[in-house]
Protein backbone atom coordinates (compact mmCIF):
# COMPACT_ATOMS: atom_id res chain seq x y z
CA MET A 1 0.00 0.00 0.00
CA LYS A 2 1.72 3.16 -1.20
CA ASP A 3 0.80 6.74 -0.29
CA LYS A 4 0.59 7.66 -3.97
CA ASP A 5 -2.12 5.05 -4.49
CA PHE A 6 -4.76 7.25 -2.90
CA VAL A 7 -6.26 10.62 -3.71
CA ARG A 8 -6.38 12.67 -0.52
CA PHE A 9 -9.43 14.64 0.54
CA ASP A 10 -9.13 18.25 -0.68
CA MET A 11 -8.98 20.19 2.58
CA GLN A 12 -8.08 23.42 0.78
CA ALA A 13 -11.31 23.82 -1.21
CA PRO A 14 -13.11 27.01 -0.14
CA PRO A 15 -16.41 26.62 1.71
CA VAL A 16 -19.51 26.53 -0.46
CA ARG A 17 -22.34 28.89 0.39
CA THR A 18 -25.42 26.68 0.79
CA LYS A 19 -27.17 26.33 -2.54
CA TRP A 20 -30.46 28.24 -2.48
CA TYR A 21 -32.47 25.15 -3.38
CA LEU A 22 -30.92 23.16 -0.54
CA ARG A 23 -31.63 25.66 2.22
CA PRO A 24 -35.31 24.71 2.62
CA LEU A 25 -34.33 21.03 2.27
CA THR A 26 -32.00 21.23 5.29
CA TYR A 27 -34.90 22.65 7.31
CA ILE A 28 -37.37 20.04 6.04
CA LEU A 29 -35.00 17.21 6.98
CA SER A 30 -34.39 18.67 10.45
CA ALA A 31 -37.84 19.83 11.47
CA PRO A 32 -39.61 16.46 12.07
CA ASP A 33 -37.14 15.25 14.74
CA VAL A 34 -37.01 18.67 16.38
CA LYS A 35 -40.81 18.65 16.54
CA LYS A 36 -40.93 15.00 17.67
CA HIS A 37 -38.87 15.85 20.74
CA GLY A 38 -40.70 19.13 21.32
CA CYS A 39 -37.46 21.08 21.46
CA ILE A 40 -37.83 24.42 23.23
CA ILE A 41 -35.31 26.92 21.86
CA LYS A 42 -34.68 29.77 24.30
CA LYS A 43 -33.16 32.80 22.61
CA ASN A 44 -30.94 35.12 24.62
CA ILE A 45 -29.70 37.26 21.77
CA PRO A 46 -29.99 40.99 21.06
CA GLU A 47 -32.79 42.03 18.75
CA GLY A 48 -31.49 42.43 15.26
CA LEU A 49 -28.66 39.91 15.51
CA LYS A 50 -27.86 38.64 12.06
CA PRO A 51 -24.89 36.98 10.33
CA PRO A 52 -22.00 36.97 10.15
CA PHE A 53 -21.31 35.39 13.54
CA VAL A 54 -19.57 32.39 15.07
CA MET A 55 -21.88 29.77 16.58
CA LEU A 56 -20.36 27.33 19.10
CA CYS A 57 -22.49 24.25 19.83
CA ASN A 58 -22.19 21.47 22.38
CA HIS A 59 -22.17 17.94 21.01
CA ASN A 60 -24.15 14.97 22.33
CA ALA A 61 -25.97 13.42 19.38
CA PHE A 62 -26.87 13.91 15.72
CA MET A 63 -29.91 15.86 16.91
CA ASP A 64 -27.54 18.75 17.67
CA PHE A 65 -27.18 19.44 13.94
CA LYS A 66 -30.93 19.42 13.41
CA VAL A 67 -31.62 21.85 16.24
CA ALA A 68 -28.82 24.13 14.99
CA THR A 69 -30.32 24.12 11.49
CA LYS A 70 -33.77 25.04 12.78
CA THR A 71 -32.35 27.72 15.09
CA ILE A 72 -30.62 29.71 12.36
CA PHE A 73 -33.01 29.11 9.43
CA PRO A 74 -33.15 30.77 6.87
CA TRP A 75 -29.59 32.06 7.28
CA ARG A 76 -26.75 30.39 5.43
CA ALA A 77 -24.10 28.56 7.42
CA ASN A 78 -20.92 26.57 7.05
CA TYR A 79 -20.67 23.61 9.42
CA VAL A 80 -17.38 22.05 10.52
CA VAL A 81 -17.83 18.28 10.06
CA ALA A 82 -15.43 15.36 10.62
CA ILE A 83 -14.23 13.53 7.52
CA ASP A 84 -16.20 10.33 8.24
CA GLY A 85 -19.38 12.40 7.90
CA PHE A 86 -18.52 12.96 4.23
CA ILE A 87 -18.26 9.27 3.28
CA GLY A 88 -20.39 8.58 0.21
CA ARG A 89 -21.93 12.06 0.19
CA GLU A 90 -19.09 14.54 -0.23
CA LYS A 91 -20.76 16.55 -2.99
CA LEU A 92 -24.02 16.91 -1.05
CA LEU A 93 -22.31 17.94 2.18
CA ARG A 94 -20.12 20.47 0.43
CA ASN A 95 -23.19 21.96 -1.27
CA VAL A 96 -25.08 22.36 2.01
CA GLY A 97 -22.07 24.20 3.39
CA CYS A 98 -20.03 21.62 5.30
CA ILE A 99 -16.30 22.10 5.88
CA CYS A 100 -14.19 18.99 6.45
CA LYS A 101 -11.92 18.66 9.49
CA ARG A 102 -9.76 15.79 10.75
CA LYS A 103 -10.29 15.59 14.50
CA PHE A 104 -7.73 16.96 16.94
CA THR A 105 -5.35 18.32 14.32
CA ASN A 106 -4.02 21.86 13.97
CA ASP A 107 -5.19 22.71 10.48
CA ILE A 108 -4.53 26.25 9.22
CA SER A 109 -6.75 25.59 6.19
CA LEU A 110 -9.78 25.43 8.51
CA VAL A 111 -8.97 28.90 9.82
CA LYS A 112 -8.86 30.19 6.25
CA GLN A 113 -12.19 28.58 5.42
CA LEU A 114 -13.92 29.94 8.53
CA THR A 115 -12.52 33.38 7.73
CA ARG A 116 -14.08 33.08 4.28
CA THR A 117 -17.40 32.10 5.91
CA ILE A 118 -17.40 35.29 7.97
CA GLN A 119 -16.34 37.37 4.96
CA ASN A 120 -19.28 35.88 3.04
CA GLY A 121 -21.63 37.16 5.75
CA ASP A 122 -22.67 33.69 6.92
CA VAL A 123 -22.76 31.69 10.17
CA ALA A 124 -19.65 29.68 11.11
CA ILE A 125 -20.94 26.67 13.08
CA ILE A 126 -18.33 24.89 15.17
CA TYR A 127 -18.62 21.94 17.57
CA PRO A 128 -15.50 22.68 19.65
CA GLU A 129 -15.77 19.51 21.78
CA ALA A 130 -15.01 17.69 18.50
CA ARG A 131 -16.81 14.50 19.57
CA TYR A 132 -20.01 13.32 21.21
CA SER A 133 -19.84 13.69 24.98
CA LEU A 134 -19.23 10.29 26.59
CA CYS A 135 -21.53 10.88 29.55
CA GLY A 136 -23.57 14.00 28.84
CA THR A 137 -21.19 16.51 30.40
CA THR A 138 -18.78 19.02 28.89
CA ALA A 139 -15.84 17.54 26.98
CA VAL A 140 -12.46 19.27 26.81
CA LEU A 141 -12.36 22.55 24.90
CA PRO A 142 -9.13 23.56 23.11
CA ASP A 143 -7.11 26.59 24.26
CA SER A 144 -6.92 27.72 20.62
CA LEU A 145 -10.65 28.51 20.59
CA GLY A 146 -10.21 32.00 22.03
CA LYS A 147 -7.56 32.87 19.46
CA LEU A 148 -9.78 31.61 16.64
CA CYS A 149 -12.77 33.69 17.75
CA LYS A 150 -10.52 36.72 18.17
CA LEU A 151 -9.12 36.26 14.68
CA LEU A 152 -12.56 35.89 13.07
CA GLY A 153 -13.64 39.14 14.72
CA ALA A 154 -17.38 38.41 14.57
CA PRO A 155 -20.01 38.14 17.32
CA VAL A 156 -19.92 34.80 19.15
CA VAL A 157 -23.06 32.90 20.12
CA THR A 158 -23.50 29.52 21.78
CA LEU A 159 -26.15 26.85 21.25
CA ILE A 160 -26.24 24.55 24.26
CA CYS A 161 -28.66 21.64 23.85
CA HIS A 162 -30.07 19.65 26.78
CA GLY A 163 -31.60 16.19 26.55
CA HIS A 164 -29.84 14.87 23.46
CA HIS A 165 -27.39 12.65 25.37
CA VAL A 166 -29.99 11.04 27.64
CA ASN A 167 -32.24 10.59 24.61
CA SER A 168 -29.61 8.88 22.45
CA PRO A 169 -26.35 8.38 24.35
CA PHE A 170 -23.09 7.79 22.52
CA TRP A 171 -22.81 4.35 24.13
CA ASN A 172 -26.29 3.21 22.93
CA LEU A 173 -27.86 5.28 20.17
CA HIS A 174 -31.43 3.97 20.58
CA ASP A 175 -33.88 6.93 20.59
CA ARG A 176 -35.54 6.99 24.01
CA GLY A 177 -38.20 9.56 23.09
CA VAL A 178 -37.12 12.23 25.58
CA LYS A 179 -39.54 15.17 25.39
CA PRO A 180 -39.32 18.11 25.60
CA THR A 181 -35.65 18.77 24.95
CA GLU A 182 -34.24 22.26 25.32
CA ALA A 183 -31.66 24.51 23.69
CA GLU A 184 -30.24 27.86 24.76
CA PHE A 185 -29.21 30.23 21.96
CA THR A 186 -27.09 32.93 23.59
CA GLN A 187 -24.80 35.71 22.43
CA ILE A 188 -21.70 35.80 24.63
CA PHE A 189 -19.67 38.38 22.69
CA SER A 190 -20.55 41.22 20.36
CA ALA A 191 -18.17 42.17 17.56
CA ASP A 192 -16.91 45.07 19.71
CA GLY A 193 -16.59 42.77 22.71
CA ILE A 194 -14.42 40.35 20.76
CA LYS A 195 -12.11 43.18 19.73
CA THR A 196 -11.41 44.24 23.32
CA ALA A 197 -11.31 40.79 24.98
CA THR A 198 -8.12 38.74 25.21
CA PRO A 199 -8.04 35.12 23.99
CA ALA A 200 -7.85 34.00 27.63
CA GLN A 201 -10.96 36.04 28.50
CA ILE A 202 -12.79 34.63 25.49
CA ASN A 203 -11.88 31.07 26.52
CA GLU A 204 -13.06 31.70 30.08
CA LYS A 205 -16.45 32.97 28.88
CA ILE A 206 -16.87 30.09 26.44
CA ARG A 207 -16.08 27.52 29.14
CA GLU A 208 -18.58 29.13 31.49
CA SER A 209 -21.22 28.89 28.76
CA PHE A 210 -20.41 25.23 28.03
CA VAL A 211 -21.12 23.88 31.51
CA TYR A 212 -23.92 21.30 31.17
CA ASP A 213 -24.96 17.94 32.61
CA ASP A 214 -27.65 16.00 30.77
CA PHE A 215 -28.28 13.53 33.61
CA ALA A 216 -28.78 16.34 36.14
CA TRP A 217 -31.04 18.13 33.62
CA LEU A 218 -33.17 14.99 33.19
CA LYS A 219 -33.60 14.56 36.94
CA GLU A 220 -34.44 18.24 37.48
CA ARG A 221 -37.14 18.05 34.79
CA GLY A 222 -38.51 14.79 36.18
CA ILE A 223 -38.41 13.20 32.73
CA ARG A 224 -38.58 9.41 32.92
CA ILE A 225 -37.04 6.98 30.45
CA THR A 226 -38.96 3.72 30.27
CA TYR A 227 -36.83 2.09 27.57
CA GLY A 228 -36.04 -1.41 28.83
CA GLY A 229 -32.46 -1.41 27.54
CA ARG A 230 -31.50 1.95 28.96
CA ALA A 231 -28.33 0.68 30.71
CA GLU A 232 -27.06 -1.38 27.78
CA GLY A 233 -23.68 -0.10 26.61
CA LEU A 234 -23.05 1.98 29.74
CA HIS A 235 -20.18 -0.34 30.72
CA LYS A 236 -18.24 1.12 27.78
CA VAL A 237 -18.04 4.40 29.71
CA LEU A 238 -18.04 3.00 33.24
CA TYR A 239 -15.26 0.47 32.69
CA GLN A 240 -13.96 0.30 36.28
CA CYS A 241 -15.83 -1.19 39.23
CA PRO A 242 -15.93 1.17 42.25
CA ALA A 243 -16.49 -1.79 44.59
CA CYS A 244 -13.54 -4.07 43.75
CA LYS A 245 -11.62 -1.51 41.62
CA LYS A 246 -11.10 -4.01 38.76
CA GLU A 247 -10.96 -2.59 35.24
CA TYR A 248 -12.41 -4.00 32.00
CA LYS A 249 -14.76 -6.44 33.80
CA MET A 250 -17.98 -4.41 33.58
CA SER A 251 -20.97 -5.55 31.51
CA SER A 252 -24.53 -4.34 31.01
CA LYS A 253 -27.91 -5.74 30.04
CA GLY A 254 -31.41 -4.30 30.18
CA THR A 255 -31.47 -1.81 33.03
CA PHE A 256 -28.54 -3.38 34.91
CA LEU A 257 -24.82 -2.67 35.10
CA ARG A 258 -22.66 -5.47 36.49
CA CYS A 259 -19.07 -6.15 37.53
CA ASP A 260 -18.22 -9.64 36.33
CA ALA A 261 -15.21 -9.74 38.67
CA CYS A 262 -16.96 -9.26 42.02
CA GLY A 263 -20.59 -9.75 40.96
CA LYS A 264 -21.89 -6.39 42.17
CA GLU A 265 -24.84 -4.96 40.24
CA TRP A 266 -26.51 -1.58 39.85
CA ASN A 267 -29.96 -0.81 38.47
CA MET A 268 -30.47 2.24 36.25
CA THR A 269 -33.75 3.90 37.25
CA GLU A 270 -36.17 5.68 34.93
CA LEU A 271 -34.54 8.95 36.05
CA CYS A 272 -31.19 7.49 34.90
CA GLU A 273 -29.75 7.24 38.39
CA LEU A 274 -27.83 4.17 39.54
CA GLU A 275 -28.89 2.13 42.57
CA ALA A 276 -26.82 -0.76 43.91
CA VAL A 277 -28.83 -3.98 44.02
CA ASN A 278 -26.98 -4.91 47.22
CA GLY A 279 -24.79 -2.83 49.49
CA GLU A 280 -23.59 0.73 49.07
CA THR A 281 -24.42 2.82 46.01
CA GLU A 282 -21.01 4.33 45.34
CA PHE A 283 -22.20 6.66 42.59
CA SER A 284 -25.84 7.33 41.82
CA HIS A 285 -24.94 10.08 39.34
CA ILE A 286 -23.32 8.59 36.24
CA PRO A 287 -20.94 11.53 35.55
CA ASP A 288 -19.58 11.19 39.12
CA TRP A 289 -18.51 7.60 38.37
CA TYR A 290 -16.87 8.79 35.14
CA GLU A 291 -14.96 11.56 36.95
CA TRP A 292 -13.82 9.04 39.57
CA GLU A 293 -12.31 7.00 36.74
CA ARG A 294 -10.59 10.16 35.49
CA GLU A 295 -9.08 10.74 38.95
CA ASN A 296 -7.69 7.21 38.93
CA VAL A 297 -6.16 7.72 35.49
CA ARG A 298 -4.70 11.06 36.63
CA ARG A 299 -3.02 9.27 39.52
CA GLU A 300 -1.39 6.80 37.13
CA VAL A 301 -0.15 9.69 35.00
CA GLU A 302 1.22 11.55 38.01
CA GLU A 303 3.02 8.39 39.15
CA GLY A 304 4.39 7.85 35.64
CA THR A 305 2.91 4.36 35.44
CA TYR A 306 0.16 4.77 32.84
CA SER A 307 0.45 2.31 29.94
CA THR A 308 -1.88 0.09 27.95
CA GLY A 309 0.98 -2.26 27.20
CA GLU A 310 1.34 -3.50 23.63
CA LEU A 311 -2.11 -4.15 22.16
CA PRO A 312 -2.68 -6.17 18.97
CA VAL A 313 -4.68 -4.03 16.53
CA ARG A 314 -6.06 -3.87 13.05
CA VAL A 315 -6.13 -0.51 11.26
CA ASP A 316 -8.38 1.03 8.61
CA SER A 317 -7.36 4.23 6.83
CA LEU A 318 -9.60 7.02 5.55
CA PRO A 319 -7.52 9.13 3.16
CA ASN A 320 -10.60 10.53 1.42
CA ALA A 321 -14.39 10.38 1.64
CA LYS A 322 -14.83 7.36 -0.61
CA LYS A 323 -14.36 4.40 1.73
CA TYR A 324 -12.35 2.87 4.56
CA ILE A 325 -9.21 1.09 3.39
CA PRO A 326 -7.84 -1.80 5.46
CA ILE A 327 -4.11 -1.29 6.04
CA GLY A 328 -3.30 -4.41 8.02
CA THR A 329 -2.54 -5.61 11.53
CA GLY A 330 0.06 -4.59 14.07
CA THR A 331 0.41 -3.12 17.53
CA MET A 332 -0.58 -0.02 19.45
CA VAL A 333 0.91 1.33 22.66
CA HIS A 334 -0.52 4.24 24.61
CA ASP A 335 1.72 5.31 27.47
CA MET A 336 3.50 8.28 29.04
CA ASN A 337 4.92 9.18 25.61
CA GLY A 338 1.57 9.19 23.78
CA PHE A 339 0.31 6.89 21.01
CA LYS A 340 2.47 4.71 18.79
CA VAL A 341 0.88 2.44 16.19
CA ARG A 342 2.89 0.14 13.91
CA VAL A 343 1.07 -1.86 11.26
CA THR A 344 2.18 -4.13 8.43
CA ASP A 345 0.23 -4.14 5.17
CA LYS A 346 -0.37 -7.04 2.77
CA ASP A 347 2.82 -6.18 0.86
CA GLY A 348 4.90 -6.43 4.02
CA ASP A 349 5.48 -2.69 4.27
CA VAL A 350 5.44 -1.21 7.78
CA HIS A 351 3.50 1.98 8.51
CA GLU A 352 3.66 4.01 11.70
CA MET A 353 1.50 6.62 13.40
CA VAL A 354 2.99 8.50 16.36
CA LYS A 355 1.06 11.08 18.36
CA THR A 356 3.13 12.66 21.11
CA VAL A 357 1.57 13.88 24.37
CA PRO A 358 1.88 17.64 23.57
CA SER A 359 0.36 17.11 20.12
CA LEU A 360 -2.95 15.70 21.35
CA TYR A 361 -5.12 17.40 23.98
CA SER A 362 -7.84 14.78 23.52
CA CYS A 363 -8.71 11.95 21.14
CA HIS A 364 -11.76 10.57 19.42
CA ILE A 365 -13.03 7.09 20.22
CA GLU A 366 -15.88 4.96 18.96
CA TYR A 367 -17.83 2.11 20.53
CA GLU A 368 -18.63 -0.88 18.27
CA TYR A 369 -17.83 1.33 15.32
CA LEU A 370 -19.98 0.49 12.29
CA GLY A 371 -20.43 -3.00 13.73
CA LYS A 372 -17.04 -3.98 12.28
CA TYR A 373 -14.35 -4.99 14.77
CA GLY A 374 -15.47 -3.40 18.02
CA ASP A 375 -14.24 -0.28 19.81
CA CYS A 376 -11.59 1.93 18.25
CA VAL A 377 -9.44 5.01 18.61
CA ASP A 378 -9.11 7.23 15.57
CA LEU A 379 -5.82 9.04 15.17
CA ASN A 380 -5.30 11.77 12.61
CA THR A 381 -2.71 13.57 10.57
CA LEU A 382 -3.58 16.40 8.20
CA THR A 383 -3.87 13.91 5.34
CA ASP A 384 -5.11 10.67 6.88
CA THR A 385 -7.22 9.12 9.64
CA TRP A 386 -6.42 5.75 11.17
CA TYR A 387 -9.24 3.80 12.80
CA THR A 388 -7.31 1.61 15.21
CA TYR A 389 -9.13 -1.42 16.64
CA PRO A 390 -7.57 -3.36 19.53
CA ASP A 391 -8.44 -7.07 19.32
CA PRO A 392 -10.94 -7.81 22.15
CA GLU A 393 -10.20 -11.54 21.91
CA LYS A 394 -6.49 -11.08 22.56
CA CYS A 395 -6.28 -8.25 25.09
CA GLU A 396 -8.16 -6.28 27.76
CA PHE A 397 -8.54 -2.55 27.22
CA SER A 398 -10.87 0.41 27.35
CA VAL A 399 -10.89 3.12 24.71
CA THR A 400 -12.62 5.33 27.30
CA LYS A 401 -9.58 5.02 29.54
CA MET A 402 -7.34 5.89 26.60
CA ALA A 403 -9.40 9.04 25.96
CA LEU A 404 -9.19 10.05 29.63
CA ALA A 405 -5.47 9.32 29.68
CA THR A 406 -4.86 11.39 26.54
CA GLU A 407 -6.40 14.39 28.28
CA GLU A 408 -4.66 13.85 31.60
CA LEU A 409 -1.29 13.33 29.92
CA PHE A 410 -1.75 16.59 28.01
CA PHE A 411 -2.80 18.48 31.15
CA ALA A 412 0.23 17.14 33.05
CA SER A 413 2.55 18.12 30.19
CA LYS A 414 1.01 21.59 30.10
CA ARG A 415 1.41 22.05 33.87
CA LYS A 416 5.05 20.96 33.67
CA LYS A 417 5.73 23.38 30.84
CA GLU A 418 4.10 26.27 32.71
CA SER A 419 6.03 25.50 35.89
CA GLN A 420 9.30 25.55 33.96
CA LYS A 421 8.47 29.03 32.68
CA SER A 422 7.76 30.47 36.14
């Protein structure tokens, strides 16, 4: 498999202003689901606000795109979309205004395209968390966001949706019929405000605006989920037992979460709280369990002991939006130095992907991706994306732990760098 064998996705193509005949179509395709879930859009914007502006949206499910489309209709927009979203429909997505981005890469071409969007007088829609939230709470936001907004020089608004994660969580996409969902459409900076604010001040305001918790929201609203499989898949996120502390032994079925090592079980109520079947309920609030796992990973990082060991993997490449291309099999290690993947193709050639700790503030993972080989981590360069699947029959692992570790390794590296400066 040679690099020259593949045409690479054209990341330099300027953004297309949504074709006039497609603008009503985007609304028509979005409106039924928005209506089905009775989404209440609360607008906290000054009268007369109109494009161009930057719109930052939280990211929990595909419904986010539909609510965003309804919120800004009939204005034109360019949406930043990951490359896998373009597979088999590149022409359509370009014509409705989508801009391609490879996740967690520093791509100057994206800055140029968003600048063009603002110059065109349109809405630049960005999902800065760059992935679906794993447990309905805020994912990591990049430090570069403030600089980007400052550079674009347009008003900044946020669209924070509530209810989309608990309705169709990343770990089990079944639609649970949550109704009504909510969204808050808020201006956080005017054009003049952006000019006078520093990037650090912009980041602080954005992070304040992005605080959300879908499970707390559900409980506060008293919305009940009666779906009988509501806990299925939750063990992908909650991979460590708080009772016996074992990792990778959790399973789920129906409304129950179970540790197969010690046998402890928890029931997920209709309000999406956890209750231990026997003994103490360590965490009733799902995000609290997730943050406890993060603390444990942080401890490993601080002690310098974090490592997945060498995992056997198979790798698919996505050089363009046509199809996934199997590269071959090999190994992946994620440790204190970052990610290193080595894979051998059918011709015997060895390919390598290395992502150092400072180069990756977070990473994108998938659970049972496309029903192919199981869970995966996708790692990106500016010209390629590797979908890296550890073999579940040959090793124990959690891609959730790898995602947490990526963030904690980056934070630790950043703290060390700052301490060396002072």
